[in-house]
Amino acid sequence: KEYEPLLRKMTYSQGKVLLKLIVRECNSTPYEILQAYLGNFAADFWQAIARLFTADLKMDYNPDGKDALIEKIATKIEQGEL
């Protein structure tokens, strides 16, 4: 509930980056996290909603490939360079 107002104001692109960062930090997909805490039905429901908005809760994170820019920025933030 604390972060709900911020999450509701996110653009689709920001939401997709957030999903990537969740995978990066948790080593689990958002789908797996939802499945563990809320069960299969809820995870499937939210995956269907995500797909309506061209997102994917089961996506992977590839720091050396398509997610290299996100990795570079996150690393610089962690090192205090940004």
PDB file of N, CA and C in Angstrom:
ATOM      1  N   LYS A   1       0.820  -1.203   0.000  1.00  0.00           N
ATOM      2  CA  LYS A   1       0.000   0.000   0.000  1.00  0.00           C
ATOM      3  C   LYS A   1       0.861   1.263   0.000  1.00  0.00           C
ATOM      4  N   GLU A   2       2.003   1.181   0.636  1.00  0.00           N
ATOM      5  CA  GLU A   2       2.869   2.357   0.744  1.00  0.00           C
ATOM      6  C   GLU A   2       3.326   2.860  -0.624  1.00  0.00           C
ATOM      7  N   TYR A   3       3.622   1.945  -1.535  1.00  0.00           N
ATOM      8  CA  TYR A   3       4.168   2.319  -2.836  1.00  0.00           C
ATOM      9  C   TYR A   3       3.114   2.384  -3.939  1.00  0.00           C
ATOM     10  N   GLU A   4       1.890   2.052  -3.617  1.00  0.00           N
ATOM     11  CA  GLU A   4       0.834   2.003  -4.634  1.00  0.00           C
ATOM     12  C   GLU A   4       0.675   3.309  -5.407  1.00  0.00           C
ATOM     13  N   PRO A   5       0.674   4.480  -4.759  1.00  0.00           N
ATOM     14  CA  PRO A   5       0.535   5.721  -5.536  1.00  0.00           C
ATOM     15  C   PRO A   5       1.655   5.905  -6.563  1.00  0.00           C
ATOM     16  N   LEU A   6       2.875   5.566  -6.185  1.00  0.00           N
ATOM     17  CA  LEU A   6       3.997   5.677  -7.123  1.00  0.00           C
ATOM     18  C   LEU A   6       3.860   4.691  -8.276  1.00  0.00           C
ATOM     19  N   LEU A   7       3.460   3.481  -7.963  1.00  0.00           N
ATOM     20  CA  LEU A   7       3.318   2.456  -8.995  1.00  0.00           C
ATOM     21  C   LEU A   7       2.208   2.815  -9.979  1.00  0.00           C
ATOM     22  N   ARG A   8       1.158   3.403  -9.492  1.00  0.00           N
ATOM     23  CA  ARG A   8       0.037   3.773 -10.369  1.00  0.00           C
ATOM     24  C   ARG A   8       0.411   4.887 -11.335  1.00  0.00           C
ATOM     25  N   LYS A   9       1.400   5.705 -10.979  1.00  0.00           N
ATOM     26  CA  LYS A   9       1.823   6.815 -11.833  1.00  0.00           C
ATOM     27  C   LYS A   9       2.884   6.403 -12.861  1.00  0.00           C
ATOM     28  N   MET A  10       3.362   5.175 -12.781  1.00  0.00           N
ATOM     29  CA  MET A  10       4.400   4.719 -13.708  1.00  0.00           C
ATOM     30  C   MET A  10       3.859   4.583 -15.123  1.00  0.00           C
ATOM     31  N   THR A  11       4.745   4.851 -16.082  1.00  0.00           N
ATOM     32  CA  THR A  11       4.406   4.575 -17.477  1.00  0.00           C
ATOM     33  C   THR A  11       4.606   3.085 -17.731  1.00  0.00           C
ATOM     34  N   TYR A  12       4.131   2.615 -18.878  1.00  0.00           N
ATOM     35  CA  TYR A  12       4.330   1.207 -19.227  1.00  0.00           C
ATOM     36  C   TYR A  12       5.822   0.877 -19.296  1.00  0.00           C
ATOM     37  N   SER A  13       6.600   1.783 -19.877  1.00  0.00           N
ATOM     38  CA  SER A  13       8.044   1.552 -19.997  1.00  0.00           C
ATOM     39  C   SER A  13       8.712   1.475 -18.632  1.00  0.00           C
ATOM     40  N   GLN A  14       8.334   2.358 -17.728  1.00  0.00           N
ATOM     41  CA  GLN A  14       8.890   2.329 -16.383  1.00  0.00           C
ATOM     42  C   GLN A  14       8.517   1.039 -15.672  1.00  0.00           C
ATOM     43  N   GLY A  15       7.297   0.573 -15.872  1.00  0.00           N
ATOM     44  CA  GLY A  15       6.857  -0.682 -15.273  1.00  0.00           C
ATOM     45  C   GLY A  15       7.667  -1.863 -15.776  1.00  0.00           C
ATOM     46  N   LYS A  16       7.971  -1.871 -17.066  1.00  0.00           N
ATOM     47  CA  LYS A  16       8.770  -2.958 -17.634  1.00  0.00           C
ATOM     48  C   LYS A  16      10.188  -2.954 -17.064  1.00  0.00           C
ATOM     49  N   VAL A  17      10.759  -1.759 -16.888  1.00  0.00           N
ATOM     50  CA  VAL A  17      12.094  -1.668 -16.286  1.00  0.00           C
ATOM     51  C   VAL A  17      12.039  -2.146 -14.837  1.00  0.00           C
ATOM     52  N   LEU A  18      11.001  -1.773 -14.114  1.00  0.00           N
ATOM     53  CA  LEU A  18      10.845  -2.236 -12.733  1.00  0.00           C
ATOM     54  C   LEU A  18      10.796  -3.758 -12.679  1.00  0.00           C
ATOM     55  N   LEU A  19      10.066  -4.386 -13.592  1.00  0.00           N
ATOM     56  CA  LEU A  19      10.005  -5.849 -13.628  1.00  0.00           C
ATOM     57  C   LEU A  19      11.393  -6.443 -13.859  1.00  0.00           C
ATOM     58  N   LYS A  20      12.174  -5.834 -14.743  1.00  0.00           N
ATOM     59  CA  LYS A  20      13.543  -6.308 -14.996  1.00  0.00           C
ATOM     60  C   LYS A  20      14.396  -6.178 -13.734  1.00  0.00           C
ATOM     61  N   LEU A  21      14.257  -5.061 -13.034  1.00  0.00           N
ATOM     62  CA  LEU A  21      15.042  -4.847 -11.817  1.00  0.00           C
ATOM     63  C   LEU A  21      14.645  -5.822 -10.711  1.00  0.00           C
ATOM     64  N   ILE A  22      13.382  -6.196 -10.665  1.00  0.00           N
ATOM     65  CA  ILE A  22      12.944  -7.201  -9.689  1.00  0.00           C
ATOM     66  C   ILE A  22      13.639  -8.521  -9.967  1.00  0.00           C
ATOM     67  N   VAL A  23      13.687  -8.917 -11.238  1.00  0.00           N
ATOM     68  CA  VAL A  23      14.372 -10.165 -11.601  1.00  0.00           C
ATOM     69  C   VAL A  23      15.847 -10.071 -11.233  1.00  0.00           C
ATOM     70  N   ARG A  24      16.454  -8.929 -11.513  1.00  0.00           N
ATOM     71  CA  ARG A  24      17.883  -8.730 -11.224  1.00  0.00           C
ATOM     72  C   ARG A  24      18.170  -8.867  -9.729  1.00  0.00           C
ATOM     73  N   GLU A  25      17.357  -8.243  -8.917  1.00  0.00           N
ATOM     74  CA  GLU A  25      17.617  -8.213  -7.479  1.00  0.00           C
ATOM     75  C   GLU A  25      17.192  -9.479  -6.751  1.00  0.00           C
ATOM     76  N   CYS A  26      16.116 -10.096  -7.194  1.00  0.00           N
ATOM     77  CA  CYS A  26      15.551 -11.246  -6.469  1.00  0.00           C
ATOM     78  C   CYS A  26      15.963 -12.596  -7.038  1.00  0.00           C
ATOM     79  N   ASN A  27      16.547 -12.595  -8.230  1.00  0.00           N
ATOM     80  CA  ASN A  27      16.879 -13.847  -8.921  1.00  0.00           C
ATOM     81  C   ASN A  27      15.662 -14.737  -9.114  1.00  0.00           C
ATOM     82  N   SER A  28      14.502 -14.131  -9.160  1.00  0.00           N
ATOM     83  CA  SER A  28      13.239 -14.815  -9.439  1.00  0.00           C
ATOM     84  C   SER A  28      12.394 -13.881 -10.289  1.00  0.00           C
ATOM     85  N   THR A  29      11.575 -14.455 -11.136  1.00  0.00           N
ATOM     86  CA  THR A  29      10.691 -13.612 -11.931  1.00  0.00           C
ATOM     87  C   THR A  29       9.546 -13.101 -11.058  1.00  0.00           C
ATOM     88  N   PRO A  30       8.950 -11.981 -11.444  1.00  0.00           N
ATOM     89  CA  PRO A  30       7.771 -11.521 -10.710  1.00  0.00           C
ATOM     90  C   PRO A  30       6.679 -12.590 -10.667  1.00  0.00           C
ATOM     91  N   TYR A  31       6.556 -13.373 -11.725  1.00  0.00           N
ATOM     92  CA  TYR A  31       5.572 -14.459 -11.748  1.00  0.00           C
ATOM     93  C   TYR A  31       5.865 -15.467 -10.639  1.00  0.00           C
ATOM     94  N   GLU A  32       7.123 -15.861 -10.493  1.00  0.00           N
ATOM     95  CA  GLU A  32       7.504 -16.830  -9.453  1.00  0.00           C
ATOM     96  C   GLU A  32       7.244 -16.279  -8.054  1.00  0.00           C
ATOM     97  N   ILE A  33       7.478 -14.998  -7.873  1.00  0.00           N
ATOM     98  CA  ILE A  33       7.237 -14.368  -6.573  1.00  0.00           C
ATOM     99  C   ILE A  33       5.742 -14.355  -6.262  1.00  0.00           C
ATOM    100  N   LEU A  34       4.943 -13.944  -7.237  1.00  0.00           N
ATOM    101  CA  LEU A  34       3.487 -13.961  -7.042  1.00  0.00           C
ATOM    102  C   LEU A  34       2.985 -15.370  -6.772  1.00  0.00           C
ATOM    103  N   GLN A  35       3.522 -16.323  -7.501  1.00  0.00           N
ATOM    104  CA  GLN A  35       3.122 -17.722  -7.340  1.00  0.00           C
ATOM    105  C   GLN A  35       3.427 -18.215  -5.924  1.00  0.00           C
ATOM    106  N   ALA A  36       4.586 -17.843  -5.409  1.00  0.00           N
ATOM    107  CA  ALA A  36       4.989 -18.287  -4.072  1.00  0.00           C
ATOM    108  C   ALA A  36       4.119 -17.670  -2.973  1.00  0.00           C
ATOM    109  N   TYR A  37       3.766 -16.398  -3.143  1.00  0.00           N
ATOM    110  CA  TYR A  37       3.032 -15.699  -2.084  1.00  0.00           C
ATOM    111  C   TYR A  37       1.517 -15.749  -2.233  1.00  0.00           C
ATOM    112  N   LEU A  38       1.037 -15.785  -3.483  1.00  0.00           N
ATOM    113  CA  LEU A  38      -0.407 -15.695  -3.703  1.00  0.00           C
ATOM    114  C   LEU A  38      -1.016 -16.926  -4.366  1.00  0.00           C
ATOM    115  N   GLY A  39      -0.170 -17.815  -4.880  1.00  0.00           N
ATOM    116  CA  GLY A  39      -0.675 -19.030  -5.516  1.00  0.00           C
ATOM    117  C   GLY A  39      -0.727 -18.941  -7.031  1.00  0.00           C
ATOM    118  N   ASN A  40      -1.016 -20.082  -7.649  1.00  0.00           N
ATOM    119  CA  ASN A  40      -1.020 -20.184  -9.111  1.00  0.00           C
ATOM    120  C   ASN A  40      -2.094 -19.323  -9.766  1.00  0.00           C
ATOM    121  N   PHE A  41      -3.292 -19.342  -9.209  1.00  0.00           N
ATOM    122  CA  PHE A  41      -4.393 -18.596  -9.825  1.00  0.00           C
ATOM    123  C   PHE A  41      -4.069 -17.105  -9.905  1.00  0.00           C
ATOM    124  N   ALA A  42      -3.612 -16.534  -8.802  1.00  0.00           N
ATOM    125  CA  ALA A  42      -3.287 -15.105  -8.778  1.00  0.00           C
ATOM    126  C   ALA A  42      -2.124 -14.795  -9.712  1.00  0.00           C
ATOM    127  N   ALA A  43      -1.112 -15.648  -9.726  1.00  0.00           N
ATOM    128  CA  ALA A  43       0.034 -15.431 -10.613  1.00  0.00           C
ATOM    129  C   ALA A  43      -0.411 -15.465 -12.072  1.00  0.00           C
ATOM    130  N   ASP A  44      -1.260 -16.419 -12.417  1.00  0.00           N
ATOM    131  CA  ASP A  44      -1.775 -16.503 -13.786  1.00  0.00           C
ATOM    132  C   ASP A  44      -2.642 -15.290 -14.130  1.00  0.00           C
ATOM    133  N   PHE A  45      -3.450 -14.843 -13.169  1.00  0.00           N
ATOM    134  CA  PHE A  45      -4.293 -13.666 -13.385  1.00  0.00           C
ATOM    135  C   PHE A  45      -3.435 -12.444 -13.700  1.00  0.00           C
ATOM    136  N   TRP A  46      -2.417 -12.193 -12.882  1.00  0.00           N
ATOM    137  CA  TRP A  46      -1.583 -11.010 -13.083  1.00  0.00           C
ATOM    138  C   TRP A  46      -0.707 -11.134 -14.323  1.00  0.00           C
ATOM    139  N   GLN A  47      -0.336 -12.347 -14.684  1.00  0.00           N
ATOM    140  CA  GLN A  47       0.388 -12.550 -15.940  1.00  0.00           C
ATOM    141  C   GLN A  47      -0.516 -12.169 -17.117  1.00  0.00           C
ATOM    142  N   ALA A  48      -1.779 -12.555 -17.066  1.00  0.00           N
ATOM    143  CA  ALA A  48      -2.724 -12.206 -18.134  1.00  0.00           C
ATOM    144  C   ALA A  48      -2.912 -10.694 -18.225  1.00  0.00           C
ATOM    145  N   ILE A  49      -3.013 -10.031 -17.082  1.00  0.00           N
ATOM    146  CA  ILE A  49      -3.140  -8.568 -17.076  1.00  0.00           C
ATOM    147  C   ILE A  49      -1.879  -7.935 -17.660  1.00  0.00           C
ATOM    148  N   ALA A  50      -0.721  -8.422 -17.260  1.00  0.00           N
ATOM    149  CA  ALA A  50       0.543  -7.888 -17.777  1.00  0.00           C
ATOM    150  C   ALA A  50       0.610  -8.040 -19.293  1.00  0.00           C
ATOM    151  N   ARG A  51       0.184  -9.188 -19.796  1.00  0.00           N
ATOM    152  CA  ARG A  51       0.223  -9.436 -21.241  1.00  0.00           C
ATOM    153  C   ARG A  51      -0.681  -8.462 -21.999  1.00  0.00           C
ATOM    154  N   LEU A  52      -1.782  -8.041 -21.386  1.00  0.00           N
ATOM    155  CA  LEU A  52      -2.652  -7.043 -22.021  1.00  0.00           C
ATOM    156  C   LEU A  52      -1.907  -5.736 -22.269  1.00  0.00           C
ATOM    157  N   PHE A  53      -0.924  -5.459 -21.436  1.00  0.00           N
ATOM    158  CA  PHE A  53      -0.144  -4.232 -21.545  1.00  0.00           C
ATOM    159  C   PHE A  53       1.252  -4.493 -22.101  1.00  0.00           C
ATOM    160  N   THR A  54       1.395  -5.558 -22.854  1.00  0.00           N
ATOM    161  CA  THR A  54       2.645  -5.970 -23.521  1.00  0.00           C
ATOM    162  C   THR A  54       3.809  -6.177 -22.554  1.00  0.00           C
ATOM    163  N   ALA A  55       3.514  -6.600 -21.360  1.00  0.00           N
ATOM    164  CA  ALA A  55       4.559  -6.942 -20.389  1.00  0.00           C
ATOM    165  C   ALA A  55       4.535  -8.451 -20.180  1.00  0.00           C
ATOM    166  N   ASP A  56       5.526  -8.956 -19.474  1.00  0.00           N
ATOM    167  CA  ASP A  56       5.617 -10.394 -19.228  1.00  0.00           C
ATOM    168  C   ASP A  56       6.235 -10.613 -17.854  1.00  0.00           C
ATOM    169  N   LEU A  57       5.468 -11.181 -16.948  1.00  0.00           N
ATOM    170  CA  LEU A  57       5.965 -11.432 -15.595  1.00  0.00           C
ATOM    171  C   LEU A  57       6.927 -12.611 -15.538  1.00  0.00           C
ATOM    172  N   LYS A  58       7.044 -13.356 -16.627  1.00  0.00           N
ATOM    173  CA  LYS A  58       7.930 -14.525 -16.667  1.00  0.00           C
ATOM    174  C   LYS A  58       9.231 -14.236 -17.413  1.00  0.00           C
ATOM    175  N   MET A  59       9.491 -12.967 -17.708  1.00  0.00           N
ATOM    176  CA  MET A  59      10.658 -12.617 -18.506  1.00  0.00           C
ATOM    177  C   MET A  59      11.965 -12.910 -17.776  1.00  0.00           C
ATOM    178  N   ASP A  60      13.009 -13.062 -18.546  1.00  0.00           N
ATOM    179  CA  ASP A  60      14.330 -13.277 -17.969  1.00  0.00           C
ATOM    180  C   ASP A  60      15.072 -11.942 -17.912  1.00  0.00           C
ATOM    181  N   TYR A  61      16.236 -11.964 -17.314  1.00  0.00           N
ATOM    182  CA  TYR A  61      17.101 -10.787 -17.241  1.00  0.00           C
ATOM    183  C   TYR A  61      18.459 -11.196 -17.764  1.00  0.00           C
ATOM    184  N   ASN A  62      18.904 -10.535 -18.815  1.00  0.00           N
ATOM    185  CA  ASN A  62      20.164 -10.885 -19.456  1.00  0.00           C
ATOM    186  C   ASN A  62      21.111  -9.686 -19.390  1.00  0.00           C
ATOM    187  N   PRO A  63      21.945  -9.597 -18.349  1.00  0.00           N
ATOM    188  CA  PRO A  63      22.799  -8.423 -18.168  1.00  0.00           C
ATOM    189  C   PRO A  63      23.871  -8.262 -19.241  1.00  0.00           C
ATOM    190  N   ASP A  64      24.179  -9.319 -19.963  1.00  0.00           N
ATOM    191  CA  ASP A  64      25.194  -9.238 -21.016  1.00  0.00           C
ATOM    192  C   ASP A  64      24.580  -9.087 -22.399  1.00  0.00           C
ATOM    193  N   GLY A  65      23.270  -9.125 -22.483  1.00  0.00           N
ATOM    194  CA  GLY A  65      22.586  -9.049 -23.774  1.00  0.00           C
ATOM    195  C   GLY A  65      21.650  -7.869 -23.831  1.00  0.00           C
ATOM    196  N   LYS A  66      20.373  -8.175 -23.980  1.00  0.00           N
ATOM    197  CA  LYS A  66      19.370  -7.128 -24.194  1.00  0.00           C
ATOM    198  C   LYS A  66      19.175  -6.201 -23.001  1.00  0.00           C
ATOM    199  N   ASP A  67      19.614  -6.607 -21.820  1.00  0.00           N
ATOM    200  CA  ASP A  67      19.455  -5.774 -20.625  1.00  0.00           C
ATOM    201  C   ASP A  67      20.774  -5.131 -20.180  1.00  0.00           C
ATOM    202  N   ALA A  68      21.723  -5.045 -21.089  1.00  0.00           N
ATOM    203  CA  ALA A  68      23.046  -4.512 -20.747  1.00  0.00           C
ATOM    204  C   ALA A  68      22.974  -3.058 -20.274  1.00  0.00           C
ATOM    205  N   LEU A  69      22.127  -2.254 -20.895  1.00  0.00           N
ATOM    206  CA  LEU A  69      22.019  -0.846 -20.492  1.00  0.00           C
ATOM    207  C   LEU A  69      21.452  -0.718 -19.079  1.00  0.00           C
ATOM    208  N   ILE A  70      20.426  -1.490 -18.777  1.00  0.00           N
ATOM    209  CA  ILE A  70      19.860  -1.481 -17.423  1.00  0.00           C
ATOM    210  C   ILE A  70      20.920  -1.918 -16.420  1.00  0.00           C
ATOM    211  N   GLU A  71      21.682  -2.946 -16.759  1.00  0.00           N
ATOM    212  CA  GLU A  71      22.740  -3.439 -15.875  1.00  0.00           C
ATOM    213  C   GLU A  71      23.803  -2.371 -15.646  1.00  0.00           C
ATOM    214  N   LYS A  72      24.197  -1.689 -16.713  1.00  0.00           N
ATOM    215  CA  LYS A  72      25.223  -0.646 -16.603  1.00  0.00           C
ATOM    216  C   LYS A  72      24.747   0.484 -15.687  1.00  0.00           C
ATOM    217  N   ILE A  73      23.517   0.921 -15.859  1.00  0.00           N
ATOM    218  CA  ILE A  73      22.969   2.001 -15.037  1.00  0.00           C
ATOM    219  C   ILE A  73      22.831   1.555 -13.583  1.00  0.00           C
ATOM    220  N   ALA A  74      22.300   0.354 -13.360  1.00  0.00           N
ATOM    221  CA  ALA A  74      22.127  -0.153 -11.993  1.00  0.00           C
ATOM    222  C   ALA A  74      23.473  -0.296 -11.291  1.00  0.00           C
ATOM    223  N   THR A  75      24.478  -0.766 -12.009  1.00  0.00           N
ATOM    224  CA  THR A  75      25.818  -0.923 -11.432  1.00  0.00           C
ATOM    225  C   THR A  75      26.397   0.432 -11.047  1.00  0.00           C
ATOM    226  N   LYS A  76      26.241   1.428 -11.912  1.00  0.00           N
ATOM    227  CA  LYS A  76      26.751   2.774 -11.607  1.00  0.00           C
ATOM    228  C   LYS A  76      26.042   3.371 -10.382  1.00  0.00           C
ATOM    229  N   ILE A  77      24.754   3.126 -10.263  1.00  0.00           N
ATOM    230  CA  ILE A  77      24.012   3.612  -9.088  1.00  0.00           C
ATOM    231  C   ILE A  77      24.530   2.923  -7.828  1.00  0.00           C
ATOM    232  N   GLU A  78      24.732   1.612  -7.894  1.00  0.00           N
ATOM    233  CA  GLU A  78      25.237   0.861  -6.739  1.00  0.00           C
ATOM    234  C   GLU A  78      26.634   1.311  -6.327  1.00  0.00           C
ATOM    235  N   GLN A  79      27.435   1.740  -7.295  1.00  0.00           N
ATOM    236  CA  GLN A  79      28.795   2.189  -7.007  1.00  0.00           C
ATOM    237  C   GLN A  79      28.854   3.665  -6.633  1.00  0.00           C
ATOM    238  N   GLY A  80      27.702   4.337  -6.634  1.00  0.00           N
ATOM    239  CA  GLY A  80      27.642   5.743  -6.266  1.00  0.00           C
ATOM    240  C   GLY A  80      28.086   6.685  -7.358  1.00  0.00           C
ATOM    241  N   GLU A  81      28.161   6.206  -8.585  1.00  0.00           N
ATOM    242  CA  GLU A  81      28.597   7.042  -9.699  1.00  0.00           C
ATOM    243  C   GLU A  81      27.445   7.813 -10.335  1.00  0.00           C
ATOM    244  N   LEU A  82      26.234   7.435 -10.018  1.00  0.00           N
ATOM    245  CA  LEU A  82      25.050   8.157 -10.523  1.00  0.00           C
ATOM    246  C   LEU A  82      24.161   8.545  -9.358  1.00  0.00           C
TER     247      LEU A  82
END
